N, C-alpha and C. Protein backbone atom coordinates (compact mmCIF):
# COMPACT_ATOMS: atom_id res chain seq x y z
N MET A 1 100.58 88.83 120.11
CA MET A 1 101.51 89.35 121.09
C MET A 1 101.26 88.78 122.48
N THR A 2 100.01 88.59 122.82
CA THR A 2 99.68 88.21 124.20
C THR A 2 99.54 86.71 124.40
N TRP A 3 99.60 85.95 123.32
CA TRP A 3 99.46 84.50 123.47
C TRP A 3 100.69 83.92 124.16
N PRO A 4 100.53 82.77 124.80
CA PRO A 4 101.69 82.12 125.41
C PRO A 4 102.75 81.78 124.36
N LYS A 5 104.00 81.84 124.75
CA LYS A 5 105.11 81.59 123.83
C LYS A 5 105.06 80.20 123.20
N ARG A 6 104.55 79.21 123.93
CA ARG A 6 104.55 77.85 123.38
C ARG A 6 103.61 77.69 122.18
N TYR A 7 102.73 78.68 121.98
CA TYR A 7 101.83 78.64 120.83
C TYR A 7 102.23 79.66 119.77
N GLY A 8 103.42 80.20 119.87
CA GLY A 8 103.90 81.15 118.87
C GLY A 8 103.74 82.60 119.25
N GLY A 9 103.17 82.85 120.42
CA GLY A 9 102.99 84.22 120.88
C GLY A 9 104.24 84.78 121.52
N ARG A 10 104.11 85.94 122.11
CA ARG A 10 105.25 86.59 122.76
C ARG A 10 105.04 86.80 124.26
N GLY A 11 103.88 86.43 124.78
CA GLY A 11 103.64 86.56 126.21
C GLY A 11 103.64 87.99 126.72
N ARG A 12 103.25 88.93 125.86
CA ARG A 12 103.26 90.35 126.24
C ARG A 12 101.94 90.73 126.89
N SER A 13 101.88 91.92 127.45
CA SER A 13 100.68 92.38 128.15
C SER A 13 99.62 92.89 127.18
N MET A 14 98.39 92.97 127.67
CA MET A 14 97.30 93.51 126.85
C MET A 14 97.52 95.00 126.57
N LEU A 15 98.14 95.71 127.49
CA LEU A 15 98.44 97.12 127.26
C LEU A 15 99.43 97.27 126.09
N GLU A 16 100.45 96.44 126.05
CA GLU A 16 101.40 96.50 124.94
C GLU A 16 100.70 96.19 123.62
N ARG A 17 99.82 95.21 123.64
CA ARG A 17 99.07 94.87 122.42
C ARG A 17 98.21 96.05 121.97
N TYR A 18 97.54 96.69 122.91
CA TYR A 18 96.70 97.84 122.59
C TYR A 18 97.53 98.95 121.94
N ILE A 19 98.67 99.25 122.52
CA ILE A 19 99.51 100.32 122.00
C ILE A 19 99.97 100.01 120.58
N VAL A 20 100.43 98.80 120.35
CA VAL A 20 100.90 98.41 119.01
C VAL A 20 99.75 98.47 118.01
N THR A 21 98.59 97.95 118.38
CA THR A 21 97.44 97.98 117.49
C THR A 21 97.03 99.40 117.14
N GLU A 22 97.00 100.28 118.11
CA GLU A 22 96.65 101.68 117.86
C GLU A 22 97.66 102.35 116.93
N GLU A 23 98.92 102.06 117.12
CA GLU A 23 99.95 102.64 116.25
C GLU A 23 99.84 102.10 114.83
N LEU A 24 99.57 100.79 114.69
CA LEU A 24 99.39 100.22 113.35
C LEU A 24 98.19 100.85 112.65
N LEU A 25 97.08 100.99 113.36
CA LEU A 25 95.89 101.61 112.77
C LEU A 25 96.15 103.06 112.41
N ALA A 26 96.82 103.80 113.27
CA ALA A 26 97.11 105.22 113.01
C ALA A 26 98.01 105.38 111.79
N ALA A 27 98.90 104.41 111.58
CA ALA A 27 99.82 104.49 110.44
C ALA A 27 99.20 103.95 109.15
N GLY A 28 97.99 103.42 109.24
CA GLY A 28 97.33 102.89 108.06
C GLY A 28 97.84 101.53 107.63
N ALA A 29 98.41 100.78 108.56
CA ALA A 29 98.92 99.45 108.23
C ALA A 29 97.77 98.52 107.85
N PRO A 30 98.02 97.59 106.93
CA PRO A 30 96.97 96.65 106.51
C PRO A 30 96.77 95.56 107.57
N VAL A 31 95.85 95.79 108.48
CA VAL A 31 95.64 94.85 109.58
C VAL A 31 94.40 93.98 109.39
N GLY A 32 93.64 94.19 108.35
CA GLY A 32 92.38 93.48 108.17
C GLY A 32 92.50 91.99 107.93
N SER A 33 93.57 91.55 107.29
CA SER A 33 93.66 90.14 106.93
C SER A 33 93.76 89.21 108.13
N HIS A 34 94.31 89.67 109.21
CA HIS A 34 94.45 88.82 110.39
C HIS A 34 93.34 89.02 111.41
N TRP A 35 92.43 89.94 111.16
CA TRP A 35 91.47 90.36 112.18
C TRP A 35 90.65 89.20 112.76
N ILE A 36 90.10 88.33 111.91
CA ILE A 36 89.27 87.22 112.38
C ILE A 36 90.11 86.24 113.19
N ALA A 37 91.27 85.87 112.66
CA ALA A 37 92.13 84.91 113.35
C ALA A 37 92.58 85.44 114.71
N ASP A 38 93.02 86.68 114.72
CA ASP A 38 93.57 87.28 115.95
C ASP A 38 92.48 87.59 116.98
N ARG A 39 91.34 88.05 116.52
CA ARG A 39 90.29 88.51 117.44
C ARG A 39 89.25 87.46 117.78
N GLN A 40 89.09 86.44 116.93
CA GLN A 40 88.02 85.47 117.17
C GLN A 40 88.53 84.04 117.25
N SER A 41 89.13 83.53 116.21
CA SER A 41 89.54 82.12 116.19
C SER A 41 90.55 81.79 117.27
N ALA A 42 91.62 82.55 117.34
CA ALA A 42 92.68 82.24 118.30
C ALA A 42 92.22 82.34 119.75
N PRO A 43 91.51 83.40 120.16
CA PRO A 43 91.05 83.43 121.54
C PRO A 43 90.13 82.25 121.90
N LEU A 44 89.30 81.84 120.94
CA LEU A 44 88.44 80.68 121.19
C LEU A 44 89.26 79.41 121.34
N LEU A 45 90.27 79.24 120.50
CA LEU A 45 91.14 78.08 120.64
C LEU A 45 91.90 78.09 121.96
N LEU A 46 92.37 79.25 122.37
CA LEU A 46 93.09 79.34 123.64
C LEU A 46 92.19 78.98 124.82
N ARG A 47 90.94 79.35 124.74
CA ARG A 47 90.04 79.11 125.86
C ARG A 47 89.37 77.73 125.82
N TYR A 48 88.92 77.31 124.65
CA TYR A 48 88.11 76.11 124.56
C TYR A 48 88.74 74.97 123.75
N GLY A 49 89.80 75.25 123.01
CA GLY A 49 90.40 74.24 122.16
C GLY A 49 91.19 73.20 122.94
N THR A 50 91.39 72.07 122.30
CA THR A 50 92.24 71.04 122.89
C THR A 50 93.70 71.44 122.69
N GLU A 51 94.58 70.82 123.42
CA GLU A 51 96.00 71.10 123.25
C GLU A 51 96.44 70.77 121.82
N GLU A 52 95.91 69.71 121.27
CA GLU A 52 96.23 69.33 119.89
C GLU A 52 95.80 70.42 118.91
N GLN A 53 94.62 70.98 119.09
CA GLN A 53 94.14 72.06 118.21
C GLN A 53 95.00 73.31 118.37
N ARG A 54 95.34 73.65 119.59
CA ARG A 54 96.18 74.84 119.82
C ARG A 54 97.52 74.71 119.11
N LEU A 55 98.15 73.55 119.27
CA LEU A 55 99.45 73.34 118.63
C LEU A 55 99.35 73.27 117.11
N ALA A 56 98.21 72.81 116.61
CA ALA A 56 98.03 72.69 115.16
C ALA A 56 97.78 74.04 114.49
N PHE A 57 97.04 74.93 115.14
CA PHE A 57 96.60 76.15 114.48
C PHE A 57 97.28 77.43 114.96
N LEU A 58 97.52 77.57 116.24
CA LEU A 58 98.00 78.86 116.76
C LEU A 58 99.37 79.29 116.25
N PRO A 59 100.36 78.42 116.16
CA PRO A 59 101.65 78.90 115.63
C PRO A 59 101.55 79.47 114.21
N GLY A 60 100.75 78.85 113.35
CA GLY A 60 100.57 79.37 111.99
C GLY A 60 99.86 80.71 111.98
N ILE A 61 98.88 80.88 112.86
CA ILE A 61 98.19 82.17 112.97
C ILE A 61 99.18 83.22 113.46
N ALA A 62 99.99 82.88 114.46
CA ALA A 62 100.95 83.84 115.01
C ALA A 62 102.00 84.25 113.99
N ARG A 63 102.38 83.34 113.09
CA ARG A 63 103.35 83.65 112.04
C ARG A 63 102.73 84.38 110.85
N GLY A 64 101.41 84.52 110.84
CA GLY A 64 100.75 85.18 109.73
C GLY A 64 100.57 84.28 108.52
N GLU A 65 100.67 82.98 108.72
CA GLU A 65 100.51 82.03 107.62
C GLU A 65 99.10 81.49 107.52
N ASN A 66 98.33 81.63 108.57
CA ASN A 66 96.98 81.08 108.63
C ASN A 66 96.07 82.19 109.18
N PHE A 67 95.04 82.53 108.44
CA PHE A 67 94.15 83.62 108.85
C PHE A 67 92.85 83.14 109.44
N SER A 68 92.75 81.82 109.66
CA SER A 68 91.55 81.26 110.29
C SER A 68 91.98 80.00 111.04
N ALA A 69 91.03 79.31 111.60
CA ALA A 69 91.34 78.07 112.32
C ALA A 69 91.09 76.89 111.41
N SER A 70 91.62 76.93 110.21
CA SER A 70 91.49 75.81 109.28
C SER A 70 92.87 75.50 108.69
N ALA A 71 93.05 74.28 108.33
CA ALA A 71 94.36 73.88 107.79
C ALA A 71 94.49 74.23 106.33
């Protein structure tokens, strides 16, 4: 939700992300499969990755097609 739109995100605030995450957890939604990609791989790519790496991995993670930073 908070990633820049050019990488498949929605450019939303951290507060909005927090609210959605809390509601998903409260409803018992299956959020575990994306946890590593969303909480670890993607933030590291956003901060330290090259532009090529960001464009290669982040859109797939944002679409739920890739759960890690591997092809």
